Amino acid sequence: MATTSANVMFGSSLNFDHRIHEWSIFKSKLFQFCTVNDINETSDKSEVKRRAVLLSALSEDTYRILRDLVAPKEVDGAEYKVLLGHLDAHFTPKKSTFAERYTFYKAEQRPGEELPDWAARVRSLAQYCGFKTELDSVLRDRFVLGLENVKEKEKLFAESVDTLTFSKAIELAQSVRCARLALKKTQPSVPETPVFTVNTSRAQRNTRTSLEGCEVCGYKNHAKEQCRFINYTCQKCKQKGHLKKMCKSKVRRNYFIAEEDNDIIEDLTN
């Protein structure tokens, strides 16, 4: 096992700033640093070295917070475990089990997220949910139900819930994905069909309109915009823009006066 001298330390330098770093991650790195450098309860009974490693890793603002937490006692004179306790209490957020479970049960695999990453996120989300003996079952269920790919989900849905474990679910999902990607590589590429954009010109629109008949006069040899009667006033509804024969309004008729023929000449002469 590697040993250390008085002037040599193994491992990268430690740094903790509460504004940008997560306390639980730094705490784990601190323990690993002390382990690799043989700084433990046996070699450091007075806790002086461990305290020095901890304090030297804190940023100025974080150091100031710790100083306030241990006041009126001096930081330099506080025990290492006491300092850790203060930092734990201050930087470890209080967790609501129901809130954590709510987040856990809502989680789904993100687009482009790899299966191992999705499985790791499921484990992380369950950390403060308070699952005990049912942990593996709920991890499996959230992993399967939150899968993005339909083929992978179908494969796992066919499995028995009594025998499928979380690790087995990950393995099966990965096998389906590998098979799907391998099959995709063996299929010949199909050239894309060119998409032709139909540009409907004004003339084409006018032709289509003329086939349906002009809304102004009724003839089919021109569009409404080209009709020479577009500015005439209808003798039936007295509205401008169409002839009497094309009028769609309902006007009450006199019982003793018959409707005249609806033709263009009438509209023009009345």
Protein backbone atom coordinates (compact mmCIF):
# COMPACT_ATOMS: atom_id res chain seq x y z
CA MET A 1 0.00 0.00 0.00
CA ALA A 2 1.26 3.42 -0.88
CA THR A 3 2.52 5.50 2.00
CA THR A 4 2.87 9.21 2.43
CA SER A 5 5.72 11.29 3.73
CA ALA A 6 5.43 14.51 5.69
CA ASN A 7 5.48 16.60 2.52
CA VAL A 8 3.60 14.40 0.00
CA MET A 9 -0.15 13.91 -0.31
CA PHE A 10 -1.96 11.68 -2.76
CA GLY A 11 -5.11 12.78 -4.54
CA SER A 12 -6.31 16.02 -6.05
CA SER A 13 -6.65 19.13 -3.94
CA LEU A 14 -9.96 19.57 -2.17
CA ASN A 15 -12.16 22.65 -2.49
CA PHE A 16 -15.61 23.37 -1.13
CA ASP A 17 -17.63 26.50 -1.81
CA HIS A 18 -21.23 26.13 -0.65
CA ARG A 19 -22.44 28.43 -3.45
CA ILE A 20 -21.32 26.10 -6.25
CA HIS A 21 -20.55 22.71 -4.68
CA GLU A 22 -22.72 20.02 -3.12
CA TRP A 23 -21.83 19.25 0.46
CA SER A 24 -22.57 15.51 0.34
CA ILE A 25 -20.25 15.06 -2.65
CA PHE A 26 -17.45 17.05 -1.05
CA LYS A 27 -17.84 15.12 2.21
CA SER A 28 -17.42 11.83 0.36
CA LYS A 29 -14.31 13.16 -1.43
CA LEU A 30 -12.93 14.32 1.91
CA PHE A 31 -13.24 10.81 3.36
CA GLN A 32 -11.57 9.29 0.29
CA PHE A 33 -8.73 11.80 0.48
CA CYS A 34 -8.09 10.95 4.13
CA THR A 35 -8.25 7.22 3.38
CA VAL A 36 -5.73 7.28 0.54
CA ASN A 37 -3.35 9.34 2.67
CA ASP A 38 -3.73 7.11 5.78
CA ILE A 39 -5.25 9.88 7.86
CA ASN A 40 -7.61 8.06 10.20
CA GLU A 41 -8.50 7.63 13.85
CA THR A 42 -5.38 5.57 14.42
CA SER A 43 -2.86 7.87 12.76
CA ASP A 44 -4.70 11.04 13.71
CA LYS A 45 -6.08 10.46 17.18
CA SER A 46 -6.11 14.17 17.96
CA GLU A 47 -8.07 14.90 14.72
CA VAL A 48 -5.67 17.75 14.01
CA LYS A 49 -4.78 16.59 10.48
CA ARG A 50 -8.36 15.87 9.45
CA ARG A 51 -9.50 19.21 10.82
CA ALA A 52 -6.70 20.96 8.94
CA VAL A 53 -7.60 19.17 5.68
CA LEU A 54 -11.25 20.17 6.10
CA LEU A 55 -10.64 23.80 6.98
CA SER A 56 -8.04 24.33 4.27
CA ALA A 57 -10.54 23.12 1.65
CA LEU A 58 -13.24 25.66 2.57
CA SER A 59 -13.69 28.86 0.61
CA GLU A 60 -13.56 32.12 2.53
CA ASP A 61 -17.35 32.55 2.62
CA THR A 62 -17.92 28.95 3.68
CA TYR A 63 -15.23 29.24 6.35
CA ARG A 64 -16.99 32.32 7.68
CA ILE A 65 -20.28 30.43 7.93
CA LEU A 66 -18.60 27.60 9.84
CA ARG A 67 -16.97 30.10 12.18
CA ASP A 68 -20.38 31.58 12.97
CA LEU A 69 -21.87 28.13 13.51
CA VAL A 70 -19.30 27.15 16.17
CA ALA A 71 -19.18 30.56 17.87
CA PRO A 72 -18.30 31.50 20.55
CA LYS A 73 -15.85 28.63 20.26
CA GLU A 74 -12.93 29.08 17.86
CA VAL A 75 -12.88 26.99 14.70
CA ASP A 76 -9.26 26.01 15.27
CA GLY A 77 -10.12 24.54 18.65
CA ALA A 78 -13.27 22.63 17.66
CA GLU A 79 -13.16 18.88 17.18
CA TYR A 80 -13.18 17.54 13.64
CA LYS A 81 -16.41 15.56 14.15
CA VAL A 82 -18.11 18.61 15.68
CA LEU A 83 -17.21 20.67 12.63
CA LEU A 84 -18.59 17.99 10.35
CA GLY A 85 -21.79 17.91 12.38
CA HIS A 86 -22.30 21.66 12.01
CA LEU A 87 -21.68 21.52 8.27
CA ASP A 88 -24.02 18.53 7.91
CA ALA A 89 -26.83 20.30 9.72
CA HIS A 90 -26.36 23.53 7.77
CA PHE A 91 -25.78 22.28 4.24
CA THR A 92 -27.89 19.13 4.14
CA PRO A 93 -31.37 20.22 3.01
CA LYS A 94 -34.36 18.89 4.90
CA LYS A 95 -36.23 16.32 2.83
CA SER A 96 -39.97 15.67 2.62
CA THR A 97 -40.58 12.00 1.95
CA PHE A 98 -43.85 12.65 0.17
CA ALA A 99 -42.29 15.37 -1.98
CA GLU A 100 -39.39 13.08 -2.88
CA ARG A 101 -41.77 10.26 -3.78
CA TYR A 102 -43.86 12.61 -5.89
CA THR A 103 -40.77 13.55 -7.90
CA PHE A 104 -39.72 9.90 -8.12
CA TYR A 105 -43.05 8.64 -9.46
CA LYS A 106 -43.26 11.45 -12.04
CA ALA A 107 -39.80 10.81 -13.48
CA GLU A 108 -39.48 9.64 -17.09
CA GLN A 109 -36.55 8.92 -19.35
CA ARG A 110 -35.46 12.07 -21.14
CA PRO A 111 -35.06 12.17 -24.94
CA GLY A 112 -31.54 11.01 -25.76
CA GLU A 113 -30.84 9.79 -22.22
CA GLU A 114 -28.95 6.49 -22.27
CA LEU A 115 -30.39 3.51 -20.39
CA PRO A 116 -27.57 3.34 -17.79
CA ASP A 117 -27.99 7.07 -17.13
CA TRP A 118 -31.75 6.66 -16.76
CA ALA A 119 -31.26 3.75 -14.34
CA ALA A 120 -28.76 5.78 -12.30
CA ARG A 121 -31.17 8.70 -12.10
CA VAL A 122 -33.94 6.41 -10.87
CA ARG A 123 -31.64 5.20 -8.06
CA SER A 124 -30.71 8.77 -7.18
CA LEU A 125 -34.34 9.93 -7.06
CA ALA A 126 -35.20 7.10 -4.66
CA GLN A 127 -32.46 8.07 -2.22
CA TYR A 128 -34.71 10.05 0.14
CA CYS A 129 -38.02 8.34 -0.59
CA GLY A 130 -37.87 6.02 2.40
CA PHE A 131 -38.34 2.82 0.39
CA LYS A 132 -37.21 -0.13 2.45
CA THR A 133 -37.87 -3.75 1.57
CA GLU A 134 -39.80 -2.71 -1.55
CA LEU A 135 -36.89 -0.65 -2.94
CA ASP A 136 -35.97 -3.02 -5.80
CA SER A 137 -39.61 -3.31 -6.90
CA VAL A 138 -40.24 0.42 -7.06
CA LEU A 139 -36.93 1.00 -8.83
CA ARG A 140 -37.89 -1.60 -11.42
CA ASP A 141 -41.39 -0.18 -11.86
CA ARG A 142 -40.23 3.40 -12.33
CA PHE A 143 -37.49 2.30 -14.73
CA VAL A 144 -39.90 0.27 -16.87
CA LEU A 145 -42.86 2.66 -16.81
CA GLY A 146 -40.66 5.67 -17.52
CA LEU A 147 -38.93 4.21 -20.58
CA GLU A 148 -39.09 6.42 -23.65
CA ASN A 149 -38.78 3.75 -26.36
CA VAL A 150 -41.95 1.76 -27.09
CA LYS A 151 -40.13 -1.41 -28.21
CA GLU A 152 -38.12 -1.60 -24.99
CA LYS A 153 -41.22 -0.98 -22.93
CA GLU A 154 -43.20 -3.67 -24.81
CA LYS A 155 -40.47 -6.22 -24.15
CA LEU A 156 -40.48 -5.54 -20.42
CA PHE A 157 -44.27 -5.43 -20.23
CA ALA A 158 -44.26 -9.03 -21.43
CA GLU A 159 -42.17 -10.13 -18.45
CA SER A 160 -43.61 -11.48 -15.22
CA VAL A 161 -43.66 -8.98 -12.39
CA ASP A 162 -42.94 -11.82 -9.97
CA THR A 163 -39.56 -12.64 -11.47
CA LEU A 164 -38.37 -9.42 -13.10
CA THR A 165 -35.84 -7.54 -10.96
CA PHE A 166 -34.47 -4.04 -11.42
CA SER A 167 -31.11 -5.28 -12.70
CA LYS A 168 -32.80 -7.77 -15.04
CA ALA A 169 -35.03 -5.03 -16.42
CA ILE A 170 -31.98 -2.92 -17.24
CA GLU A 171 -30.31 -5.90 -18.93
CA LEU A 172 -33.36 -6.71 -21.07
CA ALA A 173 -33.90 -3.10 -22.10
CA GLN A 174 -30.27 -2.83 -23.18
CA SER A 175 -30.51 -6.06 -25.20
CA VAL A 176 -33.57 -4.75 -27.06
CA ARG A 177 -31.83 -1.47 -27.80
CA CYS A 178 -28.68 -3.19 -29.05
CA ALA A 179 -30.71 -5.50 -31.30
CA ARG A 180 -32.71 -2.58 -32.66
CA LEU A 181 -29.60 -0.55 -33.46
CA ALA A 182 -27.88 -3.57 -35.05
CA LEU A 183 -30.93 -4.26 -37.23
CA LYS A 184 -31.05 -0.65 -38.31
CA LYS A 185 -27.45 -0.88 -39.55
CA THR A 186 -28.21 -3.95 -41.70
CA GLN A 187 -31.16 -2.33 -43.49
CA PRO A 188 -30.30 -0.64 -46.82
CA SER A 189 -30.69 3.05 -46.82
CA VAL A 190 -33.72 4.25 -48.74
CA PRO A 191 -33.24 7.45 -50.73
CA GLU A 192 -35.50 10.19 -49.66
CA THR A 193 -38.41 10.93 -51.97
CA PRO A 194 -38.11 14.49 -53.23
CA VAL A 195 -40.87 16.73 -52.08
CA PHE A 196 -42.36 18.88 -54.77
CA THR A 197 -43.98 22.10 -53.72
CA VAL A 198 -46.99 23.08 -55.73
CA ASN A 199 -47.04 26.80 -56.27
CA THR A 200 -50.59 27.80 -56.94
CA SER A 201 -50.37 30.91 -59.03
CA ARG A 202 -53.02 33.57 -59.19
CA ALA A 203 -53.95 32.45 -62.71
CA GLN A 204 -54.49 28.87 -61.46
CA ARG A 205 -56.63 30.11 -58.60
CA ASN A 206 -58.62 32.20 -61.00
CA THR A 207 -59.13 29.25 -63.31
CA ARG A 208 -60.38 27.10 -60.41
CA THR A 209 -62.68 29.91 -59.32
CA SER A 210 -64.01 30.42 -62.84
CA LEU A 211 -64.96 26.75 -63.07
CA GLU A 212 -67.09 27.17 -59.98
CA GLY A 213 -68.77 30.31 -61.33
CA CYS A 214 -68.43 34.00 -60.57
CA GLU A 215 -70.12 35.04 -57.32
CA VAL A 216 -71.06 38.40 -58.83
CA CYS A 217 -72.80 37.47 -62.09
CA GLY A 218 -72.82 33.66 -62.22
CA TYR A 219 -70.84 33.17 -65.42
CA LYS A 220 -67.89 30.73 -65.46
CA ASN A 221 -65.49 32.46 -67.82
CA HIS A 222 -63.83 34.69 -65.23
CA ALA A 223 -63.09 35.11 -61.53
CA LYS A 224 -64.95 37.35 -59.10
CA GLU A 225 -62.12 39.92 -59.04
CA GLN A 226 -62.33 40.26 -62.85
CA CYS A 227 -66.10 40.67 -63.08
CA ARG A 228 -67.23 43.93 -64.67
CA PHE A 229 -70.37 43.96 -62.54
CA ILE A 230 -68.58 43.85 -59.19
CA ASN A 231 -69.45 47.47 -58.40
CA TYR A 232 -73.16 47.17 -59.29
CA THR A 233 -75.89 47.27 -56.65
CA CYS A 234 -78.21 44.29 -56.21
CA GLN A 235 -81.88 45.23 -56.88
CA LYS A 236 -83.06 42.68 -54.35
CA CYS A 237 -80.99 43.33 -51.20
CA LYS A 238 -79.64 46.75 -52.24
CA GLN A 239 -76.09 45.60 -51.39
CA LYS A 240 -73.15 46.32 -53.66
CA GLY A 241 -71.02 43.52 -55.12
CA HIS A 242 -73.40 41.13 -56.95
CA LEU A 243 -76.34 41.01 -59.30
CA LYS A 244 -79.88 40.12 -58.32
CA LYS A 245 -79.65 36.65 -59.81
CA MET A 246 -76.75 35.82 -57.45
CA CYS A 247 -78.35 37.32 -54.32
CA LYS A 248 -78.50 34.95 -51.33
CA SER A 249 -80.56 37.16 -49.01
CA LYS A 250 -84.12 36.31 -48.14
CA VAL A 251 -86.56 39.16 -48.90
CA ARG A 252 -90.29 38.91 -48.12
CA ARG A 253 -92.33 38.98 -51.29
CA ASN A 254 -95.69 40.74 -51.82
CA TYR A 255 -98.55 38.31 -52.42
CA PHE A 256 -99.79 40.20 -55.47
CA ILE A 257 -96.45 41.13 -57.07
CA ALA A 258 -94.57 38.33 -58.83
CA GLU A 259 -90.81 38.11 -58.88
CA GLU A 260 -89.28 39.31 -62.09
CA ASP A 261 -86.80 37.26 -64.03
CA ASN A 262 -83.34 37.29 -62.51
CA ASP A 263 -81.10 38.29 -65.33
CA ILE A 264 -78.30 40.73 -65.86
CA ILE A 265 -80.36 43.13 -68.02
CA GLU A 266 -82.87 43.64 -65.21
CA ASP A 267 -80.14 44.48 -62.76
CA LEU A 268 -78.66 46.99 -65.12
CA THR A 269 -81.88 48.74 -66.17
CA ASN A 270 -83.70 49.06 -62.82
